[in-house]
């Protein structure tokens, strides 16, 4: 029980020695000055491409890495180690900031007049990346400080090194936090510079647009001066167009009517010509077929008389080979004949007709009952064909 009470007392004492979160921390002036004053040569050294940071003499707080090395501090008997690293019988209390106090602007914006942005060479993304790295380091330092505080409380302040390491880690975390905040400010400065340049471009564009607007206004004024006369001319032109359209419609109706009359007359003339040509063609074809038939008949008659004594009696047509023709010689088809007419010719009695009997026996044997065939010594074109059935 006694050990627990001693541990609680040590914990309360440790809490009283820690720096409150709202305590006033003095601003690091060299960091602000280094942010406002840009040196290209120094910046080339402190932002090396291999991610190695080389700190200048006045940038040790902002860029130097934190270490765990420190000198051992021993206080006399009756004294305690204070957060600022000094030994005293009682640590001074830190002044708390008045809640009503307001922070002052480092870059105070003006709603009507924009001041020139600070001269920063780095990009916004670069500073934001450095701020992110610093935040990670800050978090690590704060974690170490908490670990050291827990170790110090657990050992009942048996070692001043743990308390000093705690304060050292807290100070290092604050330094890293300052570095982060400065990089964030630098990132905003770079963004401010970029936005100011864009604003300057916009101002120039506004001036240019106003000049163009003035020129266009003069052009519009000149155009309005002649608009009334041009509108009057337009009205006359429209009236003339209306008159011409009416005239065009009347003449189009007349032309369409004349065209219809022409088409009717042309169709009548073409029909009459077609009928005439058809009649002439039929007359010529009939005369041609008549001459061809007459010549064929005369030729067949002469051949029949010449061979009458030497011909043999025709044998009866064989029922096995008896059939109507499938194709007539060209001389008969040109005269209008066809094998399909055999049945009609047989019904008319052409099979027994003397002048057509040989033709019917040769080409229409089946329709004639296969009674007799034409003499074999007669040419097919020497036979007289019956007239076409109607």
Protein backbone atom coordinates (compact mmCIF):
# COMPACT_ATOMS: atom_id res chain seq x y z
CA UNK A 1 0.00 0.00 0.00
CA UNK A 2 2.85 2.39 0.82
CA UNK A 3 4.45 1.72 -2.56
CA UNK A 4 1.19 2.54 -4.36
CA UNK A 5 0.83 5.86 -2.49
CA UNK A 6 4.43 6.82 -3.35
CA UNK A 7 3.81 6.01 -7.03
CA UNK A 8 0.68 8.21 -7.10
CA UNK A 9 2.56 11.14 -5.50
CA UNK A 10 5.38 10.82 -8.06
CA UNK A 11 2.87 10.79 -10.91
CA UNK A 12 1.20 14.00 -9.67
CA UNK A 13 4.60 15.69 -9.38
CA UNK A 14 5.50 14.64 -12.91
CA UNK A 15 2.27 16.07 -14.29
CA UNK A 16 2.93 19.41 -12.56
CA UNK A 17 6.41 19.59 -14.10
CA UNK A 18 5.22 19.03 -17.68
CA UNK A 19 4.62 21.97 -19.98
CA UNK A 20 0.88 22.67 -20.47
CA UNK A 21 -0.46 22.46 -24.01
CA UNK A 22 -1.58 26.13 -24.01
CA UNK A 23 1.73 27.45 -22.67
CA UNK A 24 3.30 30.30 -24.66
CA UNK A 25 6.25 29.13 -26.75
CA UNK A 26 8.59 31.77 -28.05
CA UNK A 27 8.65 32.07 -31.84
CA UNK A 28 11.85 31.08 -33.57
CA UNK A 29 12.80 34.26 -35.39
CA UNK A 30 15.61 32.79 -37.54
CA UNK A 31 13.14 30.37 -39.10
CA UNK A 32 10.74 33.14 -40.07
CA UNK A 33 13.59 35.20 -41.53
CA UNK A 34 14.91 32.22 -43.48
CA UNK A 35 11.43 31.69 -44.90
CA UNK A 36 11.04 35.31 -45.95
CA UNK A 37 14.57 35.61 -47.41
CA UNK A 38 15.30 33.11 -50.17
CA UNK A 39 18.84 32.32 -51.21
CA UNK A 40 19.08 30.20 -54.40
CA UNK A 41 22.59 28.92 -53.64
CA UNK A 42 21.68 27.93 -50.07
CA UNK A 43 18.44 26.35 -51.22
CA UNK A 44 20.34 24.20 -53.74
CA UNK A 45 22.40 22.80 -50.84
CA UNK A 46 19.51 22.28 -48.44
CA UNK A 47 17.32 20.48 -51.03
CA UNK A 48 19.62 17.91 -52.56
CA UNK A 49 18.15 15.39 -55.04
CA UNK A 50 19.28 12.40 -52.93
CA UNK A 51 16.99 13.56 -50.08
CA UNK A 52 19.98 14.51 -47.88
CA UNK A 53 19.34 17.69 -45.89
CA UNK A 54 22.31 19.98 -45.29
CA UNK A 55 21.52 22.63 -42.71
CA UNK A 56 22.93 26.16 -42.75
CA UNK A 57 24.29 27.81 -39.63
CA UNK A 58 20.98 29.56 -38.94
CA UNK A 59 18.82 26.58 -39.90
CA UNK A 60 19.98 24.04 -37.35
CA UNK A 61 16.65 24.00 -35.55
CA UNK A 62 14.62 23.58 -38.74
CA UNK A 63 16.74 20.97 -40.50
CA UNK A 64 19.14 19.20 -38.13
CA UNK A 65 17.99 15.68 -37.25
CA UNK A 66 17.18 14.92 -33.65
CA UNK A 67 19.42 12.63 -31.60
CA UNK A 68 19.16 10.87 -28.28
CA UNK A 69 22.60 12.10 -27.12
CA UNK A 70 22.61 14.48 -24.10
CA UNK A 71 24.74 15.37 -21.18
CA UNK A 72 23.91 13.84 -17.86
CA UNK A 73 22.44 16.46 -15.53
CA UNK A 74 22.64 15.92 -11.79
CA UNK A 75 20.90 18.20 -9.35
CA UNK A 76 21.97 18.82 -5.78
CA UNK A 77 20.12 17.39 -2.89
CA UNK A 78 16.83 19.18 -2.37
CA UNK A 79 16.68 20.34 -6.00
CA UNK A 80 14.69 18.90 -8.87
CA UNK A 81 15.24 18.94 -12.60
CA UNK A 82 12.93 21.46 -14.25
CA UNK A 83 11.48 21.15 -17.81
CA UNK A 84 13.90 23.82 -19.08
CA UNK A 85 16.86 21.63 -18.03
CA UNK A 86 17.82 23.66 -14.92
CA UNK A 87 17.88 22.52 -11.30
CA UNK A 88 15.84 24.32 -8.66
CA UNK A 89 14.15 23.69 -5.39
CA UNK A 90 10.87 24.54 -7.08
CA UNK A 91 10.34 24.83 -10.84
CA UNK A 92 8.91 28.17 -12.01
CA UNK A 93 5.38 28.05 -13.27
CA UNK A 94 4.90 28.79 -16.95
CA UNK A 95 2.63 31.65 -17.91
CA UNK A 96 -0.55 30.56 -19.57
CA UNK A 97 -1.85 32.42 -22.60
CA UNK A 98 -4.86 34.62 -22.04
CA UNK A 99 -7.81 32.94 -23.81
CA UNK A 100 -8.98 36.33 -25.11
CA UNK A 101 -5.58 37.06 -26.71
CA UNK A 102 -5.48 36.85 -30.51
CA UNK A 103 -2.73 35.67 -32.78
CA UNK A 104 -1.19 38.11 -35.22
CA UNK A 105 -1.00 37.35 -38.94
CA UNK A 106 2.36 36.64 -40.53
CA UNK A 107 0.83 37.13 -44.00
CA UNK A 108 -2.23 39.26 -43.42
CA UNK A 109 -4.46 39.27 -46.55
CA UNK A 110 -5.95 42.49 -47.88
CA UNK A 111 -9.42 42.03 -49.47
CA UNK A 112 -8.84 44.81 -52.00
CA UNK A 113 -5.07 44.99 -52.57
CA UNK A 114 -2.98 41.85 -52.77
CA UNK A 115 0.56 42.20 -51.49
CA UNK A 116 3.36 40.54 -53.37
CA UNK A 117 3.94 36.91 -52.34
CA UNK A 118 7.16 35.98 -50.51
CA UNK A 119 10.08 34.90 -52.64
CA UNK A 120 10.05 31.12 -52.30
CA UNK A 121 11.73 28.91 -54.86
CA UNK A 122 10.30 25.54 -53.88
CA UNK A 123 6.99 24.15 -55.06
CA UNK A 124 3.91 23.80 -52.87
CA UNK A 125 4.07 19.99 -53.18
CA UNK A 126 7.73 19.94 -52.00
CA UNK A 127 6.96 21.94 -48.86
CA UNK A 128 3.89 19.83 -48.15
CA UNK A 129 5.99 16.68 -48.48
CA UNK A 130 8.55 18.10 -46.01
CA UNK A 131 5.72 19.03 -43.65
CA UNK A 132 4.38 15.47 -43.86
CA UNK A 133 7.82 14.07 -43.06
CA UNK A 134 8.15 16.44 -40.14
CA UNK A 135 4.74 15.37 -38.85
CA UNK A 136 5.90 11.76 -38.82
CA UNK A 137 9.04 12.70 -36.92
CA UNK A 138 6.96 14.80 -34.52
CA UNK A 139 4.66 11.88 -33.82
CA UNK A 140 7.63 9.60 -33.19
CA UNK A 141 9.22 12.12 -30.81
CA UNK A 142 5.97 12.56 -28.90
CA UNK A 143 5.65 8.77 -28.61
CA UNK A 144 9.17 8.60 -27.23
CA UNK A 145 8.37 11.38 -24.76
CA UNK A 146 5.32 9.49 -23.52
CA UNK A 147 7.40 6.33 -23.18
CA UNK A 148 10.05 8.20 -21.22
CA UNK A 149 7.39 9.74 -18.96
CA UNK A 150 5.94 6.32 -18.24
CA UNK A 151 9.38 4.95 -17.48
CA UNK A 152 10.14 7.93 -15.22
CA UNK A 153 6.84 7.57 -13.33
CA UNK A 154 7.27 3.81 -12.96
CA UNK A 155 10.74 4.22 -11.45
CA UNK A 156 9.54 6.97 -9.03
CA UNK A 157 12.03 9.43 -10.47
CA UNK A 158 14.87 7.07 -9.62
CA UNK A 159 16.76 8.38 -12.62
CA UNK A 160 16.98 12.03 -13.65
CA UNK A 161 18.14 10.82 -17.06
CA UNK A 162 14.65 9.51 -17.84
CA UNK A 163 13.07 12.86 -16.93
CA UNK A 164 15.71 14.76 -18.86
CA UNK A 165 15.26 12.44 -21.86
CA UNK A 166 11.56 13.07 -21.64
CA UNK A 167 12.06 16.82 -21.77
CA UNK A 168 14.66 16.44 -24.52
CA UNK A 169 12.27 14.37 -26.60
CA UNK A 170 9.51 16.90 -26.01
CA UNK A 171 11.76 19.74 -27.07
CA UNK A 172 12.85 17.78 -30.13
CA UNK A 173 9.22 17.10 -30.96
CA UNK A 174 8.46 20.81 -30.62
CA UNK A 175 11.37 21.65 -32.91
CA UNK A 176 10.13 19.19 -35.48
CA UNK A 177 6.64 20.61 -35.10
CA UNK A 178 8.06 24.09 -35.72
CA UNK A 179 9.82 22.74 -38.80
CA UNK A 180 6.56 21.21 -39.98
CA UNK A 181 4.66 24.46 -39.42
CA UNK A 182 7.34 26.45 -41.23
CA UNK A 183 7.18 24.07 -44.18
CA UNK A 184 3.41 24.34 -44.19
CA UNK A 185 3.76 28.14 -44.17
CA UNK A 186 6.28 27.90 -47.00
CA UNK A 187 3.87 25.68 -48.95
CA UNK A 188 1.13 28.25 -48.48
CA UNK A 189 3.60 30.96 -49.53
CA UNK A 190 4.38 29.06 -52.73
CA UNK A 191 0.66 28.61 -53.33
CA UNK A 192 0.14 32.31 -52.61
CA UNK A 193 2.85 33.16 -55.13
CA UNK A 194 1.25 30.96 -57.76
CA UNK A 195 -2.21 32.35 -57.10
CA UNK A 196 -0.85 35.93 -57.23
CA UNK A 197 0.72 35.23 -60.63
CA UNK A 198 -2.58 33.86 -61.85
CA UNK A 199 -4.31 36.97 -60.49
CA UNK A 200 -1.86 39.21 -62.37
CA UNK A 201 -2.67 37.32 -65.56
CA UNK A 202 -6.38 37.76 -64.87
CA UNK A 203 -5.90 41.52 -64.33
CA UNK A 204 -4.15 41.76 -67.71
CA UNK A 205 -6.93 39.76 -69.32
CA UNK A 206 -9.55 42.07 -67.78
CA UNK A 207 -7.80 45.12 -69.23
CA UNK A 208 -7.52 43.48 -72.62
CA UNK A 209 -11.19 42.46 -72.52
CA UNK A 210 -12.27 46.01 -71.66
CA UNK A 211 -10.31 47.39 -74.63
CA UNK A 212 -11.93 44.83 -76.93
CA UNK A 213 -15.32 45.65 -75.43
CA UNK A 214 -14.80 49.36 -76.18
CA UNK A 215 -13.82 48.61 -79.77
CA UNK A 216 -16.83 46.37 -80.22
CA UNK A 217 -19.09 49.07 -78.75
CA UNK A 218 -17.80 51.51 -81.39
CA UNK A 219 -18.48 48.94 -84.12
CA UNK A 220 -22.01 48.43 -82.78
CA UNK A 221 -22.62 52.19 -82.73
CA UNK A 222 -21.56 52.45 -86.37
CA UNK A 223 -23.72 49.49 -87.29
CA UNK A 224 -26.77 51.01 -85.58
CA UNK A 225 -26.28 54.20 -87.62
CA UNK A 226 -26.90 52.29 -90.86
CA UNK A 227 -29.37 49.74 -89.48
CA UNK A 228 -32.51 51.78 -90.29
CA UNK A 229 -31.60 52.21 -93.95
CA UNK A 230 -30.66 48.55 -94.29
CA UNK A 231 -33.96 47.49 -92.69
CA UNK A 232 -35.86 49.62 -95.21
CA UNK A 233 -33.95 48.01 -98.05
CA UNK A 234 -34.67 44.61 -96.54
CA UNK A 235 -38.39 45.38 -96.45
CA UNK A 236 -38.37 46.34 -100.13
CA UNK A 237 -36.42 43.22 -100.96
CA UNK A 238 -38.94 41.05 -99.15
CA UNK A 239 -41.82 42.69 -101.03
CA UNK A 240 -40.02 42.08 -104.32
CA UNK A 241 -39.38 38.45 -103.35
CA UNK A 242 -43.08 37.98 -102.54
CA UNK A 243 -44.09 39.36 -105.94
CA UNK A 244 -41.58 37.14 -107.72
CA UNK A 245 -42.78 34.09 -105.78
CA UNK A 246 -46.40 34.77 -106.79
CA UNK A 247 -45.34 35.13 -110.40
CA UNK A 248 -43.30 31.92 -110.18
CA UNK A 249 -46.26 29.98 -108.75
CA UNK A 250 -48.61 31.17 -111.52
CA UNK A 251 -46.13 30.24 -114.21
CA UNK A 252 -45.42 26.91 -112.55
CA UNK A 253 -49.13 26.05 -112.61
CA UNK A 254 -49.27 26.98 -116.29
CA UNK A 255 -46.18 24.90 -117.05
CA UNK A 256 -47.56 21.90 -115.14
CA UNK A 257 -50.86 22.08 -117.06
CA UNK A 258 -49.02 22.32 -120.38
CA UNK A 259 -46.83 19.39 -119.33
CA UNK A 260 -49.88 17.26 -118.54
CA UNK A 261 -51.35 18.06 -121.95
CA UNK A 262 -48.05 17.12 -123.58
CA UNK A 263 -47.84 13.80 -121.71
CA UNK A 264 -51.41 12.94 -122.74
CA UNK A 265 -50.78 13.80 -126.40
CA UNK A 266 -47.45 11.92 -126.38
CA UNK A 267 -49.05 8.80 -124.89
CA UNK A 268 -51.81 8.89 -127.51
CA UNK A 269 -49.32 9.28 -130.37
CA UNK A 270 -47.05 6.52 -129.03
CA UNK A 271 -50.01 4.12 -128.68
CA UNK A 272 -51.15 4.84 -132.21
CA UNK A 273 -47.62 4.30 -133.51
CA UNK A 274 -47.28 1.04 -131.56
CA UNK A 275 -50.58 -0.25 -132.97
CA UNK A 276 -49.50 0.67 -136.50
CA UNK A 277 -46.10 -0.96 -136.12
CA UNK A 278 -47.70 -4.11 -134.73
CA UNK A 279 -50.10 -4.33 -137.67
CA UNK A 280 -47.28 -3.79 -140.15
CA UNK A 281 -45.16 -6.41 -138.38
CA UNK A 282 -47.99 -8.95 -138.38
CA UNK A 283 -48.66 -8.30 -142.08
CA UNK A 284 -45.01 -8.74 -142.97
CA UNK A 285 -44.73 -11.88 -140.83
CA UNK A 286 -47.86 -13.39 -142.38
CA UNK A 287 -46.61 -12.67 -145.86
CA UNK A 288 -43.19 -14.07 -144.96
CA UNK A 289 -44.68 -17.26 -143.51
CA UNK A 290 -47.00 -17.58 -146.51
CA UNK A 291 -44.07 -17.43 -148.92
CA UNK A 292 -42.02 -19.85 -146.84
CA UNK A 293 -44.91 -22.32 -146.67
CA UNK A 294 -45.61 -22.01 -150.36
CA UNK A 295 -41.99 -22.63 -151.26
CA UNK A 296 -41.85 -25.60 -148.92
CA UNK A 297 -44.99 -27.11 -150.39
CA UNK A 298 -43.80 -26.65 -153.94
CA UNK A 299 -40.44 -28.16 -153.10
CA UNK A 300 -42.07 -31.11 -151.35
CA UNK A 301 -44.43 -31.70 -154.26
CA UNK A 302 -41.62 -31.73 -156.79
CA UNK A 303 -39.59 -34.15 -154.69
CA UNK A 304 -42.61 -36.40 -154.23
CA UNK A 305 -43.33 -36.55 -157.96
CA UNK A 306 -39.68 -37.25 -158.69
CA UNK A 307 -39.47 -40.18 -156.30
CA UNK A 308 -42.98 -41.53 -156.63
CA UNK A 309 -41.99 -44.56 -158.66
CA UNK A 310 -38.99 -45.50 -156.55
CA UNK A 311 -40.54 -45.11 -153.13
CA UNK A 312 -41.55 -48.07 -151.09
CA UNK A 313 -44.68 -48.51 -149.15
CA UNK A 314 -44.36 -47.03 -145.72
CA UNK A 315 -44.42 -49.53 -142.91
CA UNK A 316 -46.89 -49.01 -140.05
CA UNK A 317 -45.49 -46.90 -137.29
CA UNK A 318 -44.23 -48.91 -134.36
CA UNK A 319 -46.23 -48.35 -131.22
CA UNK A 320 -43.06 -48.67 -129.26
CA UNK A 321 -41.46 -45.62 -130.94
CA UNK A 322 -44.67 -43.81 -131.82
CA UNK A 323 -44.74 -40.33 -130.24
CA UNK A 324 -45.44 -36.69 -131.03
CA UNK A 325 -42.47 -34.47 -131.73
CA UNK A 326 -40.80 -32.41 -129.03
CA UNK A 327 -39.19 -29.84 -131.33
CA UNK A 328 -40.14 -28.79 -134.86
CA UNK A 329 -37.56 -27.69 -137.45
CA UNK A 330 -36.95 -23.94 -137.55
CA UNK A 331 -38.87 -23.50 -140.82
CA UNK A 332 -42.08 -24.66 -139.14
CA UNK A 333 -41.58 -22.76 -135.88
CA UNK A 334 -40.95 -19.57 -137.85
CA UNK A 335 -44.30 -20.17 -139.56
CA UNK A 336 -45.97 -20.29 -136.16
CA UNK A 337 -46.13 -24.06 -135.71
CA UNK A 338 -45.47 -26.01 -132.52
CA UNK A 339 -45.45 -29.66 -131.39
CA UNK A 340 -48.12 -28.70 -128.87
CA UNK A 341 -50.54 -28.17 -131.80
CA UNK A 342 -50.56 -31.91 -132.73
CA UNK A 343 -53.65 -32.72 -130.67
CA UNK A 344 -55.62 -29.80 -132.09
CA UNK A 345 -54.60 -30.68 -135.64
CA UNK A 346 -55.66 -34.31 -135.11
CA UNK A 347 -59.09 -33.18 -133.81
CA UNK A 348 -59.54 -31.12 -136.99
CA UNK A 349 -58.88 -34.24 -139.09
CA UNK A 350 -55.52 -33.16 -140.43
CA UNK A 351 -54.20 -36.75 -139.98
CA UNK A 352 -56.36 -37.92 -142.97
CA UNK A 353 -56.00 -34.73 -145.01
CA UNK A 354 -54.04 -35.52 -148.13
CA UNK A 355 -51.79 -32.48 -148.11
CA UNK A 356 -50.94 -32.75 -144.38
CA UNK A 357 -50.99 -36.54 -143.90
CA UNK A 358 -47.23 -36.98 -144.33
CA UNK A 359 -46.44 -34.04 -141.90
CA UNK A 360 -48.84 -35.44 -139.32
CA UNK A 361 -47.44 -38.96 -139.68
CA UNK A 362 -43.88 -37.68 -139.17
CA UNK A 363 -44.31 -35.14 -136.30
CA UNK A 364 -47.72 -35.99 -134.77
CA UNK A 365 -47.75 -39.82 -135.03
CA UNK A 366 -49.15 -40.39 -131.54
CA UNK A 367 -51.94 -37.85 -131.95
CA UNK A 368 -52.89 -39.60 -135.25
CA UNK A 369 -53.07 -43.00 -133.57
CA UNK A 370 -49.67 -44.21 -134.90
CA UNK A 371 -51.40 -45.34 -138.11
CA UNK A 372 -48.68 -44.49 -140.64
CA UNK A 373 -45.45 -42.55 -140.81
CA UNK A 374 -44.19 -40.21 -143.51
CA UNK A 375 -41.84 -41.66 -146.14
CA UNK A 376 -38.34 -41.88 -144.81
CA UNK A 377 -36.81 -40.54 -148.02
CA UNK A 378 -38.56 -37.18 -147.63
CA UNK A 379 -36.73 -34.37 -145.95
CA UNK A 380 -38.37 -33.03 -142.81
CA UNK A 381 -38.52 -29.58 -144.33
CA UNK A 382 -40.31 -30.89 -147.47
CA UNK A 383 -43.54 -31.67 -145.58
CA UNK A 384 -46.48 -29.28 -145.57
CA UNK A 385 -47.58 -28.17 -142.12
CA UNK A 386 -51.25 -27.53 -141.32
CA UNK A 387 -52.26 -24.01 -140.46
CA UNK A 388 -51.95 -23.08 -136.78
CA UNK A 389 -55.04 -23.90 -134.79
CA UNK A 390 -56.95 -20.89 -133.49
